[in-house]
């Protein structure tokens, strides 16, 4: 069994869009290094207000990873939404995939009933996991079309 943890937190990264994008890249890069070492996979959804993250892996490693993340000063009000064991990883190819909310992704959010503002406290963890899976598919399709165009 694979241990899965879903949490959200309030973004406290200072600055505008460029600073947030730079920070997101740093977060994803560090997460990929750490998660590759620890056997963790998952997905990070990021916007100007919220981080939503799904972590998957061995129970002790997921717990250690979450505890390290919860101490990070780039966010606050870290809230665990769900912890469960699943039969297979939902994000097996992502040591940490990530998606910053952009206008081109808006349709994916709308399909999940999320309009202008995303408030993870008003959503169920299953809705956020479904959103992450669709954002992952969106990102993969975008990369595939870029490969075909290149």
N, C-alpha and C. Protein backbone atom coordinates (compact mmCIF):
# COMPACT_ATOMS: atom_id res chain seq x y z
N UNK A 1 0.83 -1.19 0.00
CA UNK A 1 0.00 0.00 0.00
C UNK A 1 0.88 1.25 0.00
N UNK A 2 0.36 2.28 -0.60
CA UNK A 2 1.02 3.57 -0.69
C UNK A 2 0.29 4.54 0.24
N UNK A 3 1.04 5.28 1.02
CA UNK A 3 0.46 6.27 1.93
C UNK A 3 0.28 7.58 1.15
N UNK A 4 -0.89 8.18 1.28
CA UNK A 4 -1.18 9.43 0.58
C UNK A 4 -1.65 10.48 1.60
N UNK A 5 -1.08 11.67 1.49
CA UNK A 5 -1.45 12.77 2.37
C UNK A 5 -1.80 13.97 1.49
N UNK A 6 -2.94 14.61 1.76
CA UNK A 6 -3.37 15.80 1.04
C UNK A 6 -3.47 16.93 2.05
N UNK A 7 -2.81 18.05 1.74
CA UNK A 7 -2.88 19.20 2.63
C UNK A 7 -2.99 20.48 1.82
N UNK A 8 -3.38 21.55 2.50
CA UNK A 8 -3.33 22.87 1.89
C UNK A 8 -2.74 23.84 2.89
N UNK A 9 -2.26 24.97 2.39
CA UNK A 9 -1.71 26.02 3.24
C UNK A 9 -1.85 27.36 2.54
N UNK A 10 -1.74 28.41 3.32
CA UNK A 10 -1.86 29.77 2.78
C UNK A 10 -0.47 30.25 2.34
N UNK A 11 -0.39 30.71 1.11
CA UNK A 11 0.84 31.21 0.52
C UNK A 11 1.24 32.53 1.19
N UNK A 12 2.49 32.61 1.65
CA UNK A 12 3.01 33.86 2.22
C UNK A 12 4.21 34.38 1.44
N UNK A 13 4.41 33.87 0.21
CA UNK A 13 5.53 34.30 -0.61
C UNK A 13 5.32 35.77 -0.98
N UNK A 14 6.28 36.64 -0.64
CA UNK A 14 6.11 38.06 -0.97
C UNK A 14 6.37 38.33 -2.44
N UNK A 15 5.84 39.46 -2.91
CA UNK A 15 6.12 39.89 -4.27
C UNK A 15 5.01 39.57 -5.23
N UNK A 16 5.22 39.95 -6.46
CA UNK A 16 4.23 39.77 -7.52
C UNK A 16 4.36 38.43 -8.20
N UNK A 17 3.76 38.33 -9.38
CA UNK A 17 3.73 37.08 -10.13
C UNK A 17 5.12 36.53 -10.42
N UNK A 18 6.05 37.39 -10.80
CA UNK A 18 7.41 36.93 -11.14
C UNK A 18 8.09 36.31 -9.92
N UNK A 19 7.97 36.97 -8.76
CA UNK A 19 8.57 36.43 -7.53
C UNK A 19 7.92 35.09 -7.16
N UNK A 20 6.60 35.01 -7.33
CA UNK A 20 5.91 33.77 -7.01
C UNK A 20 6.34 32.65 -7.95
N UNK A 21 6.48 32.96 -9.23
CA UNK A 21 6.91 31.94 -10.18
C UNK A 21 8.32 31.47 -9.87
N UNK A 22 9.20 32.40 -9.53
CA UNK A 22 10.57 32.04 -9.15
C UNK A 22 10.55 31.14 -7.92
N UNK A 23 9.75 31.49 -6.93
CA UNK A 23 9.65 30.67 -5.72
C UNK A 23 9.06 29.31 -6.02
N UNK A 24 8.05 29.25 -6.88
CA UNK A 24 7.46 27.96 -7.24
C UNK A 24 8.51 27.07 -7.88
N UNK A 25 9.30 27.62 -8.78
CA UNK A 25 10.36 26.83 -9.41
C UNK A 25 11.35 26.31 -8.39
N UNK A 26 11.72 27.17 -7.42
CA UNK A 26 12.64 26.74 -6.36
C UNK A 26 12.03 25.64 -5.51
N UNK A 27 10.76 25.79 -5.16
CA UNK A 27 10.06 24.79 -4.35
C UNK A 27 10.00 23.46 -5.08
N UNK A 28 9.59 23.49 -6.35
CA UNK A 28 9.47 22.26 -7.13
C UNK A 28 10.84 21.61 -7.31
N UNK A 29 11.87 22.40 -7.59
CA UNK A 29 13.22 21.86 -7.78
C UNK A 29 13.72 21.18 -6.51
N UNK A 30 13.58 21.85 -5.36
CA UNK A 30 14.02 21.24 -4.09
C UNK A 30 13.17 20.01 -3.77
N UNK A 31 11.88 20.09 -4.03
CA UNK A 31 10.99 18.95 -3.78
C UNK A 31 11.39 17.75 -4.63
N UNK A 32 11.73 18.00 -5.88
CA UNK A 32 12.11 16.90 -6.76
C UNK A 32 13.37 16.21 -6.25
N UNK A 33 14.35 16.97 -5.81
CA UNK A 33 15.58 16.38 -5.26
C UNK A 33 15.28 15.56 -4.01
N UNK A 34 14.58 16.19 -3.05
CA UNK A 34 14.28 15.51 -1.79
C UNK A 34 13.38 14.31 -2.00
N UNK A 35 12.36 14.46 -2.83
CA UNK A 35 11.40 13.38 -3.03
C UNK A 35 11.99 12.22 -3.79
N UNK A 36 12.87 12.50 -4.74
CA UNK A 36 13.56 11.43 -5.46
C UNK A 36 14.37 10.59 -4.46
N UNK A 37 15.06 11.26 -3.57
CA UNK A 37 15.86 10.58 -2.54
C UNK A 37 14.97 9.74 -1.61
N UNK A 38 13.76 10.25 -1.29
CA UNK A 38 12.90 9.63 -0.29
C UNK A 38 11.80 8.74 -0.87
N UNK A 39 11.74 8.61 -2.19
CA UNK A 39 10.71 7.76 -2.79
C UNK A 39 9.32 8.37 -2.73
N UNK A 40 9.24 9.69 -2.72
CA UNK A 40 7.96 10.40 -2.63
C UNK A 40 7.56 10.88 -4.02
N UNK A 41 6.29 10.71 -4.35
CA UNK A 41 5.73 11.31 -5.55
C UNK A 41 4.57 12.20 -5.13
N UNK A 42 4.10 13.01 -6.05
CA UNK A 42 2.97 13.86 -5.71
C UNK A 42 2.76 14.98 -6.69
N UNK A 43 1.95 15.94 -6.27
CA UNK A 43 1.60 17.06 -7.14
C UNK A 43 1.31 18.27 -6.27
N UNK A 44 1.76 19.44 -6.76
CA UNK A 44 1.58 20.70 -6.06
C UNK A 44 0.76 21.64 -6.93
N UNK A 45 -0.33 22.15 -6.38
CA UNK A 45 -1.14 23.17 -7.03
C UNK A 45 -0.86 24.48 -6.29
N UNK A 46 -0.60 25.53 -7.04
CA UNK A 46 -0.12 26.78 -6.46
C UNK A 46 -0.85 27.95 -7.10
N UNK A 47 -1.38 28.83 -6.28
CA UNK A 47 -1.88 30.09 -6.82
C UNK A 47 -1.44 31.22 -5.90
N UNK A 48 -1.95 32.40 -6.11
CA UNK A 48 -1.49 33.55 -5.33
C UNK A 48 -1.85 33.44 -3.86
N UNK A 49 -2.82 32.62 -3.53
CA UNK A 49 -3.29 32.52 -2.15
C UNK A 49 -2.96 31.18 -1.50
N UNK A 50 -3.00 30.08 -2.26
CA UNK A 50 -2.96 28.74 -1.67
C UNK A 50 -1.90 27.84 -2.28
N UNK A 51 -1.42 26.92 -1.46
CA UNK A 51 -0.71 25.72 -1.90
C UNK A 51 -1.62 24.55 -1.57
N UNK A 52 -1.77 23.63 -2.51
CA UNK A 52 -2.44 22.36 -2.26
C UNK A 52 -1.47 21.29 -2.74
N UNK A 53 -1.21 20.31 -1.90
CA UNK A 53 -0.23 19.31 -2.28
C UNK A 53 -0.71 17.92 -1.91
N UNK A 54 -0.40 16.97 -2.81
CA UNK A 54 -0.64 15.56 -2.57
C UNK A 54 0.73 14.90 -2.49
N UNK A 55 0.99 14.18 -1.42
CA UNK A 55 2.23 13.43 -1.22
C UNK A 55 1.91 11.95 -1.20
N UNK A 56 2.75 11.15 -1.85
CA UNK A 56 2.55 9.69 -1.88
C UNK A 56 3.88 8.99 -1.62
N UNK A 57 3.83 7.91 -0.88
CA UNK A 57 5.03 7.13 -0.64
C UNK A 57 4.88 6.27 0.60
N UNK A 58 6.02 5.84 1.13
CA UNK A 58 6.06 5.04 2.36
C UNK A 58 5.64 5.94 3.52
N UNK A 59 4.85 5.41 4.43
CA UNK A 59 4.22 6.20 5.50
C UNK A 59 5.21 7.10 6.26
N UNK A 60 6.31 6.54 6.75
CA UNK A 60 7.25 7.33 7.55
C UNK A 60 7.86 8.45 6.70
N UNK A 61 8.16 8.17 5.44
CA UNK A 61 8.76 9.19 4.55
C UNK A 61 7.76 10.30 4.24
N UNK A 62 6.51 9.94 4.02
CA UNK A 62 5.48 10.96 3.76
C UNK A 62 5.32 11.85 5.00
N UNK A 63 5.30 11.24 6.17
CA UNK A 63 5.16 12.00 7.41
C UNK A 63 6.35 12.94 7.61
N UNK A 64 7.56 12.43 7.39
CA UNK A 64 8.77 13.27 7.51
C UNK A 64 8.72 14.43 6.52
N UNK A 65 8.32 14.14 5.30
CA UNK A 65 8.24 15.17 4.26
C UNK A 65 7.22 16.23 4.64
N UNK A 66 6.05 15.80 5.07
CA UNK A 66 5.02 16.76 5.47
C UNK A 66 5.52 17.63 6.63
N UNK A 67 6.15 17.03 7.63
CA UNK A 67 6.63 17.79 8.78
C UNK A 67 7.67 18.83 8.36
N UNK A 68 8.54 18.48 7.43
CA UNK A 68 9.53 19.43 6.91
C UNK A 68 8.83 20.57 6.18
N UNK A 69 7.84 20.23 5.36
CA UNK A 69 7.09 21.23 4.61
C UNK A 69 6.35 22.16 5.56
N UNK A 70 5.75 21.62 6.60
CA UNK A 70 4.96 22.42 7.54
C UNK A 70 5.81 23.48 8.24
N UNK A 71 7.12 23.25 8.33
CA UNK A 71 8.01 24.24 8.97
C UNK A 71 8.47 25.34 8.00
N UNK A 72 8.20 25.19 6.72
CA UNK A 72 8.63 26.16 5.70
C UNK A 72 7.91 27.49 5.90
N UNK A 73 8.66 28.58 5.92
CA UNK A 73 8.09 29.91 6.18
C UNK A 73 7.41 30.53 4.97
N UNK A 74 7.43 29.87 3.82
CA UNK A 74 6.79 30.43 2.63
C UNK A 74 5.28 30.19 2.63
N UNK A 75 4.79 29.57 3.70
CA UNK A 75 3.35 29.37 3.84
C UNK A 75 2.98 29.26 5.31
N UNK A 76 1.67 29.35 5.57
CA UNK A 76 1.18 29.28 6.93
C UNK A 76 -0.15 28.54 6.94
N UNK A 77 -0.68 28.28 8.12
CA UNK A 77 -1.99 27.63 8.28
C UNK A 77 -2.05 26.29 7.54
N UNK A 78 -1.02 25.49 7.68
CA UNK A 78 -0.97 24.19 7.03
C UNK A 78 -2.05 23.29 7.62
N UNK A 79 -2.89 22.73 6.74
CA UNK A 79 -4.04 21.94 7.18
C UNK A 79 -4.07 20.61 6.42
N UNK A 80 -4.02 19.51 7.15
CA UNK A 80 -4.14 18.19 6.51
C UNK A 80 -5.61 17.95 6.21
N UNK A 81 -5.91 17.61 4.97
CA UNK A 81 -7.28 17.33 4.56
C UNK A 81 -7.61 15.85 4.62
N UNK A 82 -6.62 15.02 4.26
CA UNK A 82 -6.88 13.59 4.22
C UNK A 82 -5.56 12.83 4.28
N UNK A 83 -5.58 11.72 4.98
CA UNK A 83 -4.47 10.78 5.02
C UNK A 83 -5.08 9.42 4.82
N UNK A 84 -4.55 8.68 3.86
CA UNK A 84 -5.11 7.35 3.59
C UNK A 84 -4.07 6.49 2.89
N UNK A 85 -4.34 5.21 2.88
CA UNK A 85 -3.53 4.29 2.10
C UNK A 85 -4.26 4.00 0.80
N UNK A 86 -3.51 4.00 -0.30
CA UNK A 86 -4.07 3.72 -1.61
C UNK A 86 -3.29 2.56 -2.23
N UNK A 87 -3.90 1.88 -3.17
CA UNK A 87 -3.26 0.71 -3.76
C UNK A 87 -2.14 1.06 -4.71
N UNK A 88 -2.29 2.16 -5.44
CA UNK A 88 -1.28 2.58 -6.41
C UNK A 88 -1.06 4.08 -6.32
N UNK A 89 0.10 4.52 -6.74
CA UNK A 89 0.39 5.94 -6.80
C UNK A 89 -0.43 6.59 -7.91
N UNK A 90 -1.00 7.75 -7.63
CA UNK A 90 -1.74 8.50 -8.65
C UNK A 90 -0.79 9.36 -9.48
N UNK A 91 0.38 9.65 -8.95
CA UNK A 91 1.36 10.50 -9.62
C UNK A 91 2.71 9.78 -9.69
N UNK A 92 2.75 8.59 -10.30
CA UNK A 92 3.96 7.77 -10.25
C UNK A 92 5.16 8.37 -10.98
N UNK A 93 4.92 9.24 -11.93
CA UNK A 93 6.02 9.80 -12.72
C UNK A 93 6.46 11.17 -12.26
N UNK A 94 5.92 11.64 -11.14
CA UNK A 94 6.22 12.98 -10.67
C UNK A 94 6.87 12.92 -9.30
N UNK A 95 8.20 13.16 -9.23
CA UNK A 95 8.80 13.30 -7.91
C UNK A 95 8.24 14.56 -7.27
N UNK A 96 7.78 15.49 -8.06
CA UNK A 96 6.90 16.57 -7.64
C UNK A 96 6.51 17.35 -8.87
N UNK A 97 5.34 17.04 -9.36
CA UNK A 97 4.78 17.84 -10.43
C UNK A 97 4.16 19.06 -9.81
N UNK A 98 4.05 20.10 -10.60
CA UNK A 98 3.46 21.30 -10.06
C UNK A 98 2.76 22.11 -11.14
N UNK A 99 1.74 22.81 -10.73
CA UNK A 99 1.01 23.67 -11.65
C UNK A 99 0.65 24.96 -10.96
N UNK A 100 1.18 26.06 -11.49
CA UNK A 100 0.76 27.38 -11.03
C UNK A 100 -0.46 27.76 -11.83
N UNK A 101 -1.46 28.25 -11.15
CA UNK A 101 -2.71 28.60 -11.83
C UNK A 101 -2.46 29.75 -12.81
N UNK A 102 -2.81 29.49 -14.06
CA UNK A 102 -2.66 30.48 -15.11
C UNK A 102 -3.97 30.58 -15.89
N UNK A 103 -4.16 31.66 -16.65
CA UNK A 103 -5.39 31.78 -17.44
C UNK A 103 -5.62 30.61 -18.40
N UNK A 104 -4.55 30.04 -18.96
CA UNK A 104 -4.73 28.93 -19.90
C UNK A 104 -5.27 27.66 -19.22
N UNK A 105 -5.13 27.57 -17.91
CA UNK A 105 -5.62 26.42 -17.15
C UNK A 105 -7.02 26.64 -16.59
N UNK A 106 -7.56 27.82 -16.78
CA UNK A 106 -8.83 28.18 -16.15
C UNK A 106 -9.94 27.18 -16.45
N UNK A 107 -9.97 26.66 -17.66
CA UNK A 107 -11.01 25.70 -18.04
C UNK A 107 -10.96 24.45 -17.16
N UNK A 108 -9.76 24.00 -16.81
CA UNK A 108 -9.61 22.83 -15.95
C UNK A 108 -10.22 23.12 -14.57
N UNK A 109 -9.94 24.30 -14.04
CA UNK A 109 -10.51 24.69 -12.74
C UNK A 109 -12.03 24.78 -12.82
N UNK A 110 -12.54 25.38 -13.89
CA UNK A 110 -13.99 25.51 -14.05
C UNK A 110 -14.68 24.15 -14.12
N UNK A 111 -14.04 23.18 -14.75
CA UNK A 111 -14.60 21.83 -14.83
C UNK A 111 -14.77 21.22 -13.44
N UNK A 112 -14.03 21.73 -12.47
CA UNK A 112 -14.11 21.23 -11.10
C UNK A 112 -14.90 22.18 -10.19
N UNK A 113 -15.61 23.12 -10.82
CA UNK A 113 -16.45 24.03 -10.06
C UNK A 113 -15.69 25.11 -9.31
N UNK A 114 -14.46 25.37 -9.74
CA UNK A 114 -13.64 26.38 -9.09
C UNK A 114 -13.55 27.58 -10.03
N UNK A 115 -14.18 28.68 -9.61
CA UNK A 115 -14.20 29.89 -10.43
C UNK A 115 -12.98 30.75 -10.19
N UNK A 116 -13.23 32.00 -9.84
CA UNK A 116 -12.13 32.95 -9.70
C UNK A 116 -11.23 32.65 -8.51
N UNK A 117 -11.80 32.31 -7.38
CA UNK A 117 -11.01 32.04 -6.18
C UNK A 117 -11.09 30.57 -5.81
N UNK A 118 -9.95 29.99 -5.50
CA UNK A 118 -9.93 28.62 -5.01
C UNK A 118 -9.82 28.69 -3.49
N UNK A 119 -10.76 28.09 -2.79
CA UNK A 119 -10.69 28.00 -1.34
C UNK A 119 -10.68 26.53 -0.96
N UNK A 120 -9.49 25.96 -0.74
CA UNK A 120 -9.41 24.52 -0.45
C UNK A 120 -10.18 24.10 0.79
N UNK A 121 -10.41 25.01 1.72
CA UNK A 121 -11.15 24.67 2.93
C UNK A 121 -12.61 24.33 2.62
N UNK A 122 -13.09 24.78 1.47
CA UNK A 122 -14.47 24.51 1.07
C UNK A 122 -14.58 23.31 0.13
N UNK A 123 -13.46 22.67 -0.15
CA UNK A 123 -13.46 21.53 -1.06
C UNK A 123 -13.11 20.26 -0.30
N UNK A 124 -13.48 19.15 -0.88
CA UNK A 124 -13.11 17.84 -0.33
C UNK A 124 -11.76 17.44 -0.93
N UNK A 125 -11.04 16.61 -0.20
CA UNK A 125 -9.74 16.17 -0.70
C UNK A 125 -9.88 15.42 -2.02
N UNK A 126 -10.99 14.68 -2.19
CA UNK A 126 -11.18 13.94 -3.44
C UNK A 126 -11.32 14.91 -4.63
N UNK A 127 -11.94 16.08 -4.39
CA UNK A 127 -12.05 17.08 -5.45
C UNK A 127 -10.67 17.63 -5.81
N UNK A 128 -9.83 17.86 -4.81
CA UNK A 128 -8.50 18.40 -5.07
C UNK A 128 -7.60 17.38 -5.76
N UNK A 129 -7.74 16.11 -5.39
CA UNK A 129 -6.97 15.06 -6.07
C UNK A 129 -7.41 14.97 -7.53
N UNK A 130 -8.71 15.03 -7.78
CA UNK A 130 -9.23 14.99 -9.16
C UNK A 130 -8.72 16.19 -9.95
N UNK A 131 -8.70 17.38 -9.33
CA UNK A 131 -8.17 18.57 -9.98
C UNK A 131 -6.70 18.37 -10.32
N UNK A 132 -5.93 17.85 -9.38
CA UNK A 132 -4.50 17.61 -9.61
C UNK A 132 -4.29 16.64 -10.76
N UNK A 133 -5.08 15.58 -10.82
CA UNK A 133 -4.96 14.61 -11.92
C UNK A 133 -5.25 15.28 -13.26
N UNK A 134 -6.27 16.14 -13.31
CA UNK A 134 -6.60 16.83 -14.56
C UNK A 134 -5.55 17.87 -14.92
N UNK A 135 -4.98 18.55 -13.93
CA UNK A 135 -3.90 19.49 -14.22
C UNK A 135 -2.66 18.75 -14.71
N UNK A 136 -2.40 17.58 -14.13
CA UNK A 136 -1.29 16.75 -14.60
C UNK A 136 -1.52 16.37 -16.07
N UNK A 137 -2.73 15.94 -16.41
CA UNK A 137 -3.05 15.58 -17.79
C UNK A 137 -2.91 16.78 -18.72
N UNK A 138 -3.35 17.95 -18.26
CA UNK A 138 -3.23 19.18 -19.04
C UNK A 138 -1.76 19.48 -19.33
N UNK A 139 -0.92 19.40 -18.29
CA UNK A 139 0.52 19.66 -18.45
C UNK A 139 1.17 18.65 -19.39
N UNK A 140 0.79 17.38 -19.26
CA UNK A 140 1.36 16.35 -20.13
C UNK A 140 0.94 16.57 -21.59
N UNK A 141 -0.31 16.93 -21.81
CA UNK A 141 -0.79 17.19 -23.17
C UNK A 141 -0.07 18.41 -23.76
N UNK A 142 0.14 19.42 -22.95
CA UNK A 142 0.85 20.62 -23.40
C UNK A 142 2.28 20.27 -23.80
N UNK A 143 2.97 19.49 -22.96
CA UNK A 143 4.35 19.08 -23.28
C UNK A 143 4.39 18.24 -24.55
N UNK A 144 3.41 17.34 -24.68
CA UNK A 144 3.36 16.49 -25.87
C UNK A 144 3.17 17.32 -27.14
N UNK A 145 2.28 18.29 -27.11
CA UNK A 145 2.05 19.13 -28.30
C UNK A 145 3.28 19.98 -28.59
N UNK A 146 4.02 20.40 -27.55
CA UNK A 146 5.25 21.16 -27.78
C UNK A 146 6.31 20.28 -28.42
N UNK A 147 6.39 19.01 -28.01
CA UNK A 147 7.34 18.08 -28.63
C UNK A 147 7.00 17.84 -30.10
N UNK A 148 5.72 17.68 -30.38
CA UNK A 148 5.29 17.44 -31.74
C UNK A 148 5.53 18.67 -32.63
N UNK A 149 5.37 19.86 -32.05
CA UNK A 149 5.58 21.10 -32.80
C UNK A 149 7.06 21.37 -33.04
N UNK A 150 7.92 20.82 -32.16
CA UNK A 150 9.37 21.08 -32.23
C UNK A 150 10.05 20.09 -33.04
